[in-house]
C-alpha atoms as a PDB file:
ATOM      1  CA  UNK A   1       0.451 -12.917 -27.112  1.00  0.00           C
ATOM      2  CA  UNK A   2       0.153 -16.623 -27.800  1.00  0.00           C
ATOM      3  CA  UNK A   3      -3.364 -18.009 -28.153  1.00  0.00           C
ATOM      4  CA  UNK A   4      -2.679 -20.611 -25.467  1.00  0.00           C
ATOM      5  CA  UNK A   5      -2.087 -17.846 -22.926  1.00  0.00           C
ATOM      6  CA  UNK A   6      -5.398 -16.141 -23.546  1.00  0.00           C
ATOM      7  CA  UNK A   7      -7.841 -16.765 -20.710  1.00  0.00           C
ATOM      8  CA  UNK A   8     -10.823 -15.198 -19.046  1.00  0.00           C
ATOM      9  CA  UNK A   9      -8.538 -13.366 -16.650  1.00  0.00           C
ATOM     10  CA  UNK A  10      -7.281 -11.171 -19.504  1.00  0.00           C
ATOM     11  CA  UNK A  11     -10.723  -9.715 -19.990  1.00  0.00           C
ATOM     12  CA  UNK A  12     -10.383  -7.815 -16.725  1.00  0.00           C
ATOM     13  CA  UNK A  13      -9.148  -4.241 -16.781  1.00  0.00           C
ATOM     14  CA  UNK A  14      -6.113  -4.062 -14.501  1.00  0.00           C
ATOM     15  CA  UNK A  15      -4.378  -0.804 -13.648  1.00  0.00           C
ATOM     16  CA  UNK A  16      -1.006  -0.767 -11.874  1.00  0.00           C
ATOM     17  CA  UNK A  17      -0.315   2.335  -9.775  1.00  0.00           C
ATOM     18  CA  UNK A  18       3.285   3.323  -9.055  1.00  0.00           C
ATOM     19  CA  UNK A  19       3.926   6.250  -6.725  1.00  0.00           C
ATOM     20  CA  UNK A  20       7.250   7.592  -7.916  1.00  0.00           C
ATOM     21  CA  UNK A  21       9.775   9.637  -5.958  1.00  0.00           C
ATOM     22  CA  UNK A  22      13.436   9.717  -7.006  1.00  0.00           C
ATOM     23  CA  UNK A  23      13.266   6.120  -8.208  1.00  0.00           C
ATOM     24  CA  UNK A  24      15.849   6.131 -11.013  1.00  0.00           C
ATOM     25  CA  UNK A  25      17.577   3.104  -9.495  1.00  0.00           C
ATOM     26  CA  UNK A  26      14.483   0.873  -9.800  1.00  0.00           C
ATOM     27  CA  UNK A  27      11.781   2.365 -12.006  1.00  0.00           C
ATOM     28  CA  UNK A  28      12.808   0.853 -15.325  1.00  0.00           C
ATOM     29  CA  UNK A  29      12.866  -2.671 -13.887  1.00  0.00           C
ATOM     30  CA  UNK A  30       9.544  -2.097 -12.150  1.00  0.00           C
ATOM     31  CA  UNK A  31       7.750  -0.968 -15.319  1.00  0.00           C
ATOM     32  CA  UNK A  32       9.424  -3.585 -17.520  1.00  0.00           C
ATOM     33  CA  UNK A  33       8.157  -6.328 -15.219  1.00  0.00           C
ATOM     34  CA  UNK A  34       4.604  -5.038 -15.620  1.00  0.00           C
ATOM     35  CA  UNK A  35       5.093  -4.863 -19.386  1.00  0.00           C
ATOM     36  CA  UNK A  36       6.255  -8.495 -19.387  1.00  0.00           C
ATOM     37  CA  UNK A  37       3.184  -9.693 -17.506  1.00  0.00           C
ATOM     38  CA  UNK A  38       1.172 -12.453 -19.163  1.00  0.00           C
ATOM     39  CA  UNK A  39      -1.832 -10.131 -19.245  1.00  0.00           C
ATOM     40  CA  UNK A  40      -2.060  -6.524 -20.281  1.00  0.00           C
ATOM     41  CA  UNK A  41      -1.563  -4.001 -17.473  1.00  0.00           C
ATOM     42  CA  UNK A  42      -2.444  -0.315 -17.748  1.00  0.00           C
ATOM     43  CA  UNK A  43       0.375   1.527 -15.994  1.00  0.00           C
ATOM     44  CA  UNK A  44      -0.138   4.771 -14.075  1.00  0.00           C
ATOM     45  CA  UNK A  45       2.784   6.761 -12.656  1.00  0.00           C
ATOM     46  CA  UNK A  46       2.047   9.353  -9.993  1.00  0.00           C
ATOM     47  CA  UNK A  47       5.208  11.376  -9.437  1.00  0.00           C
ATOM     48  CA  UNK A  48       5.643  13.180  -6.112  1.00  0.00           C
ATOM     49  CA  UNK A  49       7.805  15.987  -7.562  1.00  0.00           C
ATOM     50  CA  UNK A  50      10.951  13.877  -8.030  1.00  0.00           C
ATOM     51  CA  UNK A  51      14.317  15.639  -8.199  1.00  0.00           C
ATOM     52  CA  UNK A  52      16.221  12.899 -10.040  1.00  0.00           C
ATOM     53  CA  UNK A  53      15.942  11.751 -13.663  1.00  0.00           C
ATOM     54  CA  UNK A  54      13.344   9.016 -13.054  1.00  0.00           C
ATOM     55  CA  UNK A  55      10.618  10.786 -15.055  1.00  0.00           C
ATOM     56  CA  UNK A  56      13.059  11.380 -17.893  1.00  0.00           C
ATOM     57  CA  UNK A  57      13.833   7.647 -17.886  1.00  0.00           C
ATOM     58  CA  UNK A  58      10.128   6.783 -17.961  1.00  0.00           C
ATOM     59  CA  UNK A  59       9.294   9.170 -20.790  1.00  0.00           C
ATOM     60  CA  UNK A  60      12.289   8.071 -22.852  1.00  0.00           C
ATOM     61  CA  UNK A  61      11.711   4.339 -22.399  1.00  0.00           C
ATOM     62  CA  UNK A  62       7.945   3.906 -22.111  1.00  0.00           C
ATOM     63  CA  UNK A  63       5.566   5.838 -24.332  1.00  0.00           C
ATOM     64  CA  UNK A  64       2.322   4.207 -23.239  1.00  0.00           C
ATOM     65  CA  UNK A  65       2.153   4.942 -19.515  1.00  0.00           C
ATOM     66  CA  UNK A  66      -0.087   7.535 -17.919  1.00  0.00           C
ATOM     67  CA  UNK A  67       1.942  10.037 -15.886  1.00  0.00           C
ATOM     68  CA  UNK A  68       0.703  12.490 -13.284  1.00  0.00           C
ATOM     69  CA  UNK A  69       3.335  15.082 -12.354  1.00  0.00           C
ATOM     70  CA  UNK A  70       2.471  16.547  -8.957  1.00  0.00           C
ATOM     71  CA  UNK A  71       3.459  20.012  -7.735  1.00  0.00           C
ATOM     72  CA  UNK A  72       5.037  18.694  -4.537  1.00  0.00           C
ATOM     73  CA  UNK A  73       5.465  15.517  -2.535  1.00  0.00           C
ATOM     74  CA  UNK A  74       1.929  14.825  -1.320  1.00  0.00           C
ATOM     75  CA  UNK A  75       2.887  11.540   0.325  1.00  0.00           C
ATOM     76  CA  UNK A  76       2.190   7.917  -0.456  1.00  0.00           C
ATOM     77  CA  UNK A  77      -1.517   7.888   0.329  1.00  0.00           C
ATOM     78  CA  UNK A  78      -2.718  10.923  -1.616  1.00  0.00           C
ATOM     79  CA  UNK A  79      -0.544  10.065  -4.624  1.00  0.00           C
ATOM     80  CA  UNK A  80      -2.033   6.568  -4.694  1.00  0.00           C
ATOM     81  CA  UNK A  81      -5.519   8.042  -4.373  1.00  0.00           C
ATOM     82  CA  UNK A  82      -4.920  10.105  -7.508  1.00  0.00           C
ATOM     83  CA  UNK A  83      -3.895   6.969  -9.395  1.00  0.00           C
ATOM     84  CA  UNK A  84      -6.722   4.861  -7.968  1.00  0.00           C
ATOM     85  CA  UNK A  85      -9.313   7.528  -8.772  1.00  0.00           C
ATOM     86  CA  UNK A  86      -8.069   7.713 -12.358  1.00  0.00           C
ATOM     87  CA  UNK A  87      -8.099   3.911 -12.698  1.00  0.00           C
ATOM     88  CA  UNK A  88     -11.636   3.565 -11.343  1.00  0.00           C
ATOM     89  CA  UNK A  89     -12.851   6.341 -13.644  1.00  0.00           C
ATOM     90  CA  UNK A  90     -11.324   4.408 -16.552  1.00  0.00           C
ATOM     91  CA  UNK A  91     -13.310   1.314 -15.604  1.00  0.00           C
ATOM     92  CA  UNK A  92     -10.660  -0.667 -13.728  1.00  0.00           C
ATOM     93  CA  UNK A  93     -11.870  -3.952 -12.257  1.00  0.00           C
ATOM     94  CA  UNK A  94      -8.619  -4.404 -10.345  1.00  0.00           C
ATOM     95  CA  UNK A  95      -5.993  -1.966  -9.128  1.00  0.00           C
ATOM     96  CA  UNK A  96      -2.496  -3.252  -8.445  1.00  0.00           C
ATOM     97  CA  UNK A  97      -0.462  -1.084  -6.085  1.00  0.00           C
ATOM     98  CA  UNK A  98       3.248  -1.671  -6.550  1.00  0.00           C
ATOM     99  CA  UNK A  99       6.154   0.115  -4.899  1.00  0.00           C
ATOM    100  CA  UNK A 100       8.717   1.821  -7.082  1.00  0.00           C
ATOM    101  CA  UNK A 101      11.411  -0.466  -5.627  1.00  0.00           C
ATOM    102  CA  UNK A 102       9.464  -3.597  -6.504  1.00  0.00           C
ATOM    103  CA  UNK A 103       8.750  -5.756  -9.518  1.00  0.00           C
ATOM    104  CA  UNK A 104       6.686  -8.797 -10.468  1.00  0.00           C
ATOM    105  CA  UNK A 105       6.992 -12.154 -12.196  1.00  0.00           C
ATOM    106  CA  UNK A 106       5.284 -12.850 -15.494  1.00  0.00           C
ATOM    107  CA  UNK A 107       2.329 -14.614 -13.856  1.00  0.00           C
ATOM    108  CA  UNK A 108       2.163 -12.708 -10.545  1.00  0.00           C
ATOM    109  CA  UNK A 109      -0.966 -10.687 -11.250  1.00  0.00           C
ATOM    110  CA  UNK A 110      -2.800 -13.244 -13.393  1.00  0.00           C
ATOM    111  CA  UNK A 111      -2.381 -15.829 -10.627  1.00  0.00           C
ATOM    112  CA  UNK A 112      -3.741 -13.391  -8.042  1.00  0.00           C
ATOM    113  CA  UNK A 113      -6.783 -12.617 -10.175  1.00  0.00           C
ATOM    114  CA  UNK A 114      -7.554 -16.281 -10.833  1.00  0.00           C
ATOM    115  CA  UNK A 115      -7.428 -17.009  -7.113  1.00  0.00           C
ATOM    116  CA  UNK A 116      -9.418 -13.911  -6.114  1.00  0.00           C
ATOM    117  CA  UNK A 117     -12.193 -14.779  -8.554  1.00  0.00           C
ATOM    118  CA  UNK A 118     -12.718 -17.993  -6.581  1.00  0.00           C
ATOM    119  CA  UNK A 119     -12.731 -16.146  -3.253  1.00  0.00           C
ATOM    120  CA  UNK A 120     -14.632 -12.921  -3.849  1.00  0.00           C
ATOM    121  CA  UNK A 121     -14.840 -12.086  -0.146  1.00  0.00           C
ATOM    122  CA  UNK A 122     -11.185 -11.057  -0.380  1.00  0.00           C
ATOM    123  CA  UNK A 123     -10.857  -7.355  -1.200  1.00  0.00           C
ATOM    124  CA  UNK A 124      -7.047  -7.398  -1.203  1.00  0.00           C
ATOM    125  CA  UNK A 125      -4.819 -10.276  -2.282  1.00  0.00           C
ATOM    126  CA  UNK A 126      -1.053 -10.142  -2.249  1.00  0.00           C
ATOM    127  CA  UNK A 127       1.743 -12.345  -3.571  1.00  0.00           C
ATOM    128  CA  UNK A 128       4.648 -13.616  -1.497  1.00  0.00           C
ATOM    129  CA  UNK A 129       7.194 -10.799  -1.119  1.00  0.00           C
ATOM    130  CA  UNK A 130      10.796 -11.900  -1.638  1.00  0.00           C
ATOM    131  CA  UNK A 131      14.097 -10.024  -1.710  1.00  0.00           C
ATOM    132  CA  UNK A 132      15.915  -8.918  -4.864  1.00  0.00           C
ATOM    133  CA  UNK A 133      18.145 -12.009  -4.708  1.00  0.00           C
ATOM    134  CA  UNK A 134      14.991 -14.158  -4.477  1.00  0.00           C
ATOM    135  CA  UNK A 135      16.565 -16.313  -1.803  1.00  0.00           C
ATOM    136  CA  UNK A 136      14.404 -15.335   1.183  1.00  0.00           C
ATOM    137  CA  UNK A 137      11.287 -13.425   2.206  1.00  0.00           C
ATOM    138  CA  UNK A 138      11.309  -9.681   2.583  1.00  0.00           C
ATOM    139  CA  UNK A 139      12.244  -9.180   6.251  1.00  0.00           C
ATOM    140  CA  UNK A 140       8.924  -7.600   7.265  1.00  0.00           C
ATOM    141  CA  UNK A 141       6.840  -9.917   5.107  1.00  0.00           C
ATOM    142  CA  UNK A 142       7.886 -12.919   7.200  1.00  0.00           C
ATOM    143  CA  UNK A 143       5.628 -11.748  10.012  1.00  0.00           C
ATOM    144  CA  UNK A 144       2.646 -11.250   7.688  1.00  0.00           C
ATOM    145  CA  UNK A 145       2.572 -14.928   6.661  1.00  0.00           C
ATOM    146  CA  UNK A 146       3.245 -16.266  10.163  1.00  0.00           C
ATOM    147  CA  UNK A 147       1.220 -16.513  13.389  1.00  0.00           C
ATOM    148  CA  UNK A 148      -0.491 -14.599  14.842  1.00  0.00           C
ATOM    149  CA  UNK A 149      -1.279 -12.550  11.699  1.00  0.00           C
ATOM    150  CA  UNK A 150      -1.602 -15.612   9.469  1.00  0.00           C
ATOM    151  CA  UNK A 151      -1.981 -18.723  11.656  1.00  0.00           C
ATOM    152  CA  UNK A 152      -2.444 -21.432   9.010  1.00  0.00           C
ATOM    153  CA  UNK A 153       0.120 -21.028   6.230  1.00  0.00           C
ATOM    154  CA  UNK A 154       3.241 -22.302   7.998  1.00  0.00           C
ATOM    155  CA  UNK A 155       1.589 -25.442   9.449  1.00  0.00           C
ATOM    156  CA  UNK A 156       0.071 -26.221   6.044  1.00  0.00           C
ATOM    157  CA  UNK A 157       3.453 -25.738   4.380  1.00  0.00           C
ATOM    158  CA  UNK A 158       5.115 -28.083   6.857  1.00  0.00           C
ATOM    159  CA  UNK A 159       2.457 -30.778   6.467  1.00  0.00           C
ATOM    160  CA  UNK A 160       2.425 -30.453   2.674  1.00  0.00           C
ATOM    161  CA  UNK A 161      -1.178 -29.275   2.349  1.00  0.00           C
ATOM    162  CA  UNK A 162      -0.646 -25.752   1.011  1.00  0.00           C
ATOM    163  CA  UNK A 163      -3.796 -23.977  -0.179  1.00  0.00           C
ATOM    164  CA  UNK A 164      -4.083 -21.297  -2.846  1.00  0.00           C
ATOM    165  CA  UNK A 165      -5.053 -18.471  -0.482  1.00  0.00           C
ATOM    166  CA  UNK A 166      -4.614 -17.614   3.195  1.00  0.00           C
ATOM    167  CA  UNK A 167      -6.234 -14.920   5.230  1.00  0.00           C
ATOM    168  CA  UNK A 168      -3.905 -12.530   7.062  1.00  0.00           C
ATOM    169  CA  UNK A 169      -4.566  -9.625   9.381  1.00  0.00           C
ATOM    170  CA  UNK A 170      -2.085  -7.454   7.481  1.00  0.00           C
ATOM    171  CA  UNK A 171       0.280  -7.267   4.520  1.00  0.00           C
ATOM    172  CA  UNK A 172       2.056  -4.096   3.443  1.00  0.00           C
ATOM    173  CA  UNK A 173       1.082  -2.228   0.286  1.00  0.00           C
ATOM    174  CA  UNK A 174       4.256  -2.920  -1.711  1.00  0.00           C
ATOM    175  CA  UNK A 175       2.178  -5.439  -3.702  1.00  0.00           C
ATOM    176  CA  UNK A 176      -1.605  -5.209  -3.400  1.00  0.00           C
ATOM    177  CA  UNK A 177      -4.251  -6.357  -5.850  1.00  0.00           C
ATOM    178  CA  UNK A 178      -7.447  -4.537  -4.826  1.00  0.00           C
ATOM    179  CA  UNK A 179     -10.850  -5.277  -6.295  1.00  0.00           C
ATOM    180  CA  UNK A 180     -13.128  -2.561  -7.619  1.00  0.00           C
ATOM    181  CA  UNK A 181     -15.803  -3.724  -5.166  1.00  0.00           C
ATOM    182  CA  UNK A 182     -13.443  -3.200  -2.250  1.00  0.00           C
ATOM    183  CA  UNK A 183     -12.446   0.278  -3.431  1.00  0.00           C
ATOM    184  CA  UNK A 184     -16.097   1.216  -3.934  1.00  0.00           C
ATOM    185  CA  UNK A 185     -16.839   0.241  -0.329  1.00  0.00           C
ATOM    186  CA  UNK A 186     -13.664   1.368   1.444  1.00  0.00           C
ATOM    187  CA  UNK A 187     -12.396   4.215  -0.746  1.00  0.00           C
ATOM    188  CA  UNK A 188      -8.825   5.435  -0.893  1.00  0.00           C
ATOM    189  CA  UNK A 189      -6.150   6.047   1.708  1.00  0.00           C
ATOM    190  CA  UNK A 190      -7.037   8.360   4.572  1.00  0.00           C
ATOM    191  CA  UNK A 191      -5.514  11.867   4.316  1.00  0.00           C
ATOM    192  CA  UNK A 192      -4.670  11.558   8.015  1.00  0.00           C
ATOM    193  CA  UNK A 193      -1.511   9.735   6.909  1.00  0.00           C
ATOM    194  CA  UNK A 194       1.360  11.323   4.995  1.00  0.00           C
ATOM    195  CA  UNK A 195       3.866   8.494   5.118  1.00  0.00           C
ATOM    196  CA  UNK A 196       3.987   5.235   7.122  1.00  0.00           C
ATOM    197  CA  UNK A 197       1.073   3.183   8.452  1.00  0.00           C
ATOM    198  CA  UNK A 198      -1.415   4.345   5.831  1.00  0.00           C
ATOM    199  CA  UNK A 199      -1.623   0.754   4.638  1.00  0.00           C
ATOM    200  CA  UNK A 200      -2.269  -0.471   8.189  1.00  0.00           C
ATOM    201  CA  UNK A 201      -5.174   1.925   8.495  1.00  0.00           C
ATOM    202  CA  UNK A 202      -6.499   0.865   5.085  1.00  0.00           C
ATOM    203  CA  UNK A 203      -6.409  -2.827   5.985  1.00  0.00           C
ATOM    204  CA  UNK A 204      -8.265  -2.040   9.211  1.00  0.00           C
ATOM    205  CA  UNK A 205     -10.983  -0.344   7.145  1.00  0.00           C
ATOM    206  CA  UNK A 206     -11.102  -3.252   4.672  1.00  0.00           C
ATOM    207  CA  UNK A 207     -11.894  -5.598   7.552  1.00  0.00           C
ATOM    208  CA  UNK A 208     -14.383  -3.148   9.060  1.00  0.00           C
ATOM    209  CA  UNK A 209     -16.378  -3.081   5.822  1.00  0.00           C
ATOM    210  CA  UNK A 210     -16.578  -6.862   5.572  1.00  0.00           C
ATOM    211  CA  UNK A 211     -13.725  -7.816   3.243  1.00  0.00           C
ATOM    212  CA  UNK A 212     -10.779 -10.121   3.847  1.00  0.00           C
ATOM    213  CA  UNK A 213      -7.078  -9.689   3.094  1.00  0.00           C
ATOM    214  CA  UNK A 214      -5.199 -12.646   1.670  1.00  0.00           C
ATOM    215  CA  UNK A 215      -1.796 -14.046   0.731  1.00  0.00           C
ATOM    216  CA  UNK A 216      -1.379 -16.220  -2.340  1.00  0.00           C
ATOM    217  CA  UNK A 217       1.556 -18.650  -1.877  1.00  0.00           C
ATOM    218  CA  UNK A 218       1.669 -19.542  -5.586  1.00  0.00           C
ATOM    219  CA  UNK A 219       2.204 -15.912  -6.662  1.00  0.00           C
ATOM    220  CA  UNK A 220       5.598 -14.265  -6.117  1.00  0.00           C
ATOM    221  CA  UNK A 221       6.828 -10.674  -6.340  1.00  0.00           C
ATOM    222  CA  UNK A 222      10.018  -8.850  -5.404  1.00  0.00           C
ATOM    223  CA  UNK A 223      10.565  -5.967  -2.979  1.00  0.00           C
ATOM    224  CA  UNK A 224      14.122  -4.623  -3.097  1.00  0.00           C
ATOM    225  CA  UNK A 225      14.746  -2.730   0.133  1.00  0.00           C
ATOM    226  CA  UNK A 226      17.389  -4.667   2.027  1.00  0.00           C
ATOM    227  CA  UNK A 227      20.276  -2.299   1.278  1.00  0.00           C
ATOM    228  CA  UNK A 228      18.376   0.985   1.394  1.00  0.00           C
ATOM    229  CA  UNK A 229      19.987   3.775   3.398  1.00  0.00           C
ATOM    230  CA  UNK A 230      17.625   5.622   5.722  1.00  0.00           C
ATOM    231  CA  UNK A 231      17.739   8.517   8.154  1.00  0.00           C
ATOM    232  CA  UNK A 232      17.042   6.554  11.340  1.00  0.00           C
ATOM    233  CA  UNK A 233      16.003   9.556  13.444  1.00  0.00           C
ATOM    234  CA  UNK A 234      13.654  10.974  10.817  1.00  0.00           C
ATOM    235  CA  UNK A 235      12.106   7.554  10.205  1.00  0.00           C
ATOM    236  CA  UNK A 236      11.716   6.986  13.950  1.00  0.00           C
ATOM    237  CA  UNK A 237       9.923  10.307  14.462  1.00  0.00           C
ATOM    238  CA  UNK A 238       7.684   9.805  11.428  1.00  0.00           C
ATOM    239  CA  UNK A 239       6.909   6.212  12.392  1.00  0.00           C
ATOM    240  CA  UNK A 240       6.004   7.166  15.955  1.00  0.00           C
ATOM    241  CA  UNK A 241       3.691   9.888  14.697  1.00  0.00           C
ATOM    242  CA  UNK A 242       2.093   7.559  12.157  1.00  0.00           C
ATOM    243  CA  UNK A 243       1.548   4.858  14.757  1.00  0.00           C
ATOM    244  CA  UNK A 244      -0.167   7.274  17.110  1.00  0.00           C
ATOM    245  CA  UNK A 245      -2.344   8.502  14.244  1.00  0.00           C
ATOM    246  CA  UNK A 246      -3.171   4.916  13.314  1.00  0.00           C
ATOM    247  CA  UNK A 247      -3.997   3.965  16.909  1.00  0.00           C
ATOM    248  CA  UNK A 248      -6.334   6.948  17.071  1.00  0.00           C
ATOM    249  CA  UNK A 249      -7.861   6.190  13.652  1.00  0.00           C
ATOM    250  CA  UNK A 250      -8.754   2.524  14.202  1.00  0.00           C
ATOM    251  CA  UNK A 251     -12.442   1.869  13.597  1.00  0.00           C
ATOM    252  CA  UNK A 252     -14.204  -1.061  15.232  1.00  0.00           C
ATOM    253  CA  UNK A 253     -17.773  -2.166  15.805  1.00  0.00           C
ATOM    254  CA  UNK A 254     -17.235  -1.356  19.465  1.00  0.00           C
ATOM    255  CA  UNK A 255     -16.107   1.914  20.982  1.00  0.00           C
ATOM    256  CA  UNK A 256     -12.347   2.349  21.402  1.00  0.00           C
ATOM    257  CA  UNK A 257     -12.427   5.474  23.585  1.00  0.00           C
ATOM    258  CA  UNK A 258     -10.050   4.006  26.161  1.00  0.00           C
ATOM    259  CA  UNK A 259      -7.623   2.906  23.456  1.00  0.00           C
ATOM    260  CA  UNK A 260      -7.512   6.496  22.239  1.00  0.00           C
ATOM    261  CA  UNK A 261      -6.752   7.728  25.745  1.00  0.00           C
ATOM    262  CA  UNK A 262      -4.030   5.103  26.057  1.00  0.00           C
ATOM    263  CA  UNK A 263      -2.566   6.247  22.733  1.00  0.00           C
ATOM    264  CA  UNK A 264      -2.389   9.843  23.958  1.00  0.00           C
ATOM    265  CA  UNK A 265      -0.741   8.931  27.248  1.00  0.00           C
ATOM    266  CA  UNK A 266       1.643   6.437  25.675  1.00  0.00           C
ATOM    267  CA  UNK A 267       2.888   9.014  23.178  1.00  0.00           C
ATOM    268  CA  UNK A 268       3.378  11.600  25.918  1.00  0.00           C
ATOM    269  CA  UNK A 269       5.281   9.187  28.159  1.00  0.00           C
ATOM    270  CA  UNK A 270       7.504   8.033  25.276  1.00  0.00           C
ATOM    271  CA  UNK A 271       8.571  11.551  24.384  1.00  0.00           C
ATOM    272  CA  UNK A 272      11.195  12.046  27.157  1.00  0.00           C
ATOM    273  CA  UNK A 273      12.781   8.722  26.249  1.00  0.00           C
ATOM    274  CA  UNK A 274      13.245   9.734  22.609  1.00  0.00           C
ATOM    275  CA  UNK A 275      14.523  13.176  23.586  1.00  0.00           C
ATOM    276  CA  UNK A 276      17.212  11.402  25.606  1.00  0.00           C
ATOM    277  CA  UNK A 277      17.886   8.730  22.963  1.00  0.00           C
ATOM    278  CA  UNK A 278      18.393  11.131  20.053  1.00  0.00           C
ATOM    279  CA  UNK A 279      19.665  14.115  22.052  1.00  0.00           C
ATOM    280  CA  UNK A 280      17.085  16.225  20.292  1.00  0.00           C
ATOM    281  CA  UNK A 281      13.886  18.115  21.080  1.00  0.00           C
ATOM    282  CA  UNK A 282      12.287  17.044  17.781  1.00  0.00           C
ATOM    283  CA  UNK A 283      10.060  14.475  19.578  1.00  0.00           C
ATOM    284  CA  UNK A 284       8.324  17.426  21.259  1.00  0.00           C
ATOM    285  CA  UNK A 285       7.702  18.979  17.848  1.00  0.00           C
ATOM    286  CA  UNK A 286       6.118  15.733  16.648  1.00  0.00           C
ATOM    287  CA  UNK A 287       4.078  15.481  19.838  1.00  0.00           C
ATOM    288  CA  UNK A 288       2.529  18.911  19.287  1.00  0.00           C
ATOM    289  CA  UNK A 289       2.030  18.057  15.628  1.00  0.00           C
ATOM    290  CA  UNK A 290       0.007  15.023  16.683  1.00  0.00           C
ATOM    291  CA  UNK A 291      -2.232  17.083  18.963  1.00  0.00           C
ATOM    292  CA  UNK A 292      -2.720  19.700  16.237  1.00  0.00           C
ATOM    293  CA  UNK A 293      -3.986  16.945  13.923  1.00  0.00           C
ATOM    294  CA  UNK A 294      -6.692  15.678  16.270  1.00  0.00           C
ATOM    295  CA  UNK A 295      -9.632  17.649  14.725  1.00  0.00           C
ATOM    296  CA  UNK A 296      -8.834  16.344  11.240  1.00  0.00           C
ATOM    297  CA  UNK A 297      -8.232  12.839  12.599  1.00  0.00           C
ATOM    298  CA  UNK A 298     -11.699  12.799  14.155  1.00  0.00           C
ATOM    299  CA  UNK A 299     -13.248  14.024  10.909  1.00  0.00           C
ATOM    300  CA  UNK A 300     -11.443  11.458   8.736  1.00  0.00           C
ATOM    301  CA  UNK A 301     -12.168   8.645  11.178  1.00  0.00           C
ATOM    302  CA  UNK A 302     -15.900   9.353  10.973  1.00  0.00           C
ATOM    303  CA  UNK A 303     -15.702   9.398   7.176  1.00  0.00           C
ATOM    304  CA  UNK A 304     -13.990   5.997   7.050  1.00  0.00           C
ATOM    305  CA  UNK A 305     -16.858   4.418   8.987  1.00  0.00           C
ATOM    306  CA  UNK A 306     -19.180   5.160   6.070  1.00  0.00           C
ATOM    307  CA  UNK A 307     -19.299   2.758   3.158  1.00  0.00           C
ATOM    308  CA  UNK A 308     -18.324   4.420  -0.121  1.00  0.00           C
ATOM    309  CA  UNK A 309     -15.477   5.621  -2.341  1.00  0.00           C
ATOM    310  CA  UNK A 310     -14.160   7.937   0.364  1.00  0.00           C
ATOM    311  CA  UNK A 311     -11.235  10.258  -0.429  1.00  0.00           C
ATOM    312  CA  UNK A 312     -11.522   9.510  -4.159  1.00  0.00           C
ATOM    313  CA  UNK A 313     -13.267  12.729  -5.165  1.00  0.00           C
ATOM    314  CA  UNK A 314     -10.075  14.704  -5.723  1.00  0.00           C
ATOM    315  CA  UNK A 315      -9.799  17.556  -8.185  1.00  0.00           C
ATOM    316  CA  UNK A 316      -6.692  16.018  -9.709  1.00  0.00           C
ATOM    317  CA  UNK A 317      -5.706  19.070 -11.749  1.00  0.00           C
ATOM    318  CA  UNK A 318      -5.299  20.992  -8.491  1.00  0.00           C
ATOM    319  CA  UNK A 319      -2.301  18.815  -7.580  1.00  0.00           C
ATOM    320  CA  UNK A 320      -0.653  18.606 -10.985  1.00  0.00           C
ATOM    321  CA  UNK A 321       2.099  20.785 -12.356  1.00  0.00           C
ATOM    322  CA  UNK A 322       1.018  23.328 -14.959  1.00  0.00           C
END
């Protein structure tokens, strides 16, 4: 690395966590982008029992990444927790969560770190998420940098007074730089979530424990999901379940008993509609699944109110393949 590129930011231990599941279409580009970063990134792959050749590609192409091969698909949250726990145990000062279908620019992470060091109240900072063609924002990201979630960025852009960091109420975990201090206070993802909305719950907890979440307009990263094929019914059921879990799991300084009651009733009243819409009784199955989860949801919600590295005390070998 050229001497002129060496800066204080490179002294920080940064670990990138990639949760991998059947990612052969993207994984090489994702890892190569981290390798081409202008500061050294320790790369950790946590594989959720992939059935394609993505792990073969990783092992054949990259010989200096840490790989955890899990026995089954444990979901996004737990797999990330395994990677985060490993990174923290290795002394990481920053953890960068990056989706398998995403990649970064050369200065994405170094720019985020430089900005975060000036604004240490921010526990999570994220770059601007653009599409693979780099001609527009990721379709969900547009709402994260706009009112009401982020009220100031668009007016400042229009009036040519753009700042280096903006607070937002939420940004998805496709690209998150998380500080060690934030992880030590908030912990990992709640096991209440298997897939979908785990990042929403985490951001809620970040705010609860006194940290801010920010967007850095001078840092850019790519999230390639525009052309992805999905099972709309399965996603709908899983999303509905996750949203009910998240509504139940929200922690605030004030009681939210009535919000929990509303969440129960809302889910019940929505069920007939989705039975009719999809001509299926699967919404009933998901409804009963939600009610069966309530004891564990209460337990995990109480844990998340406590400051500490919650959910990062995993016996990692228990989840790995022999």
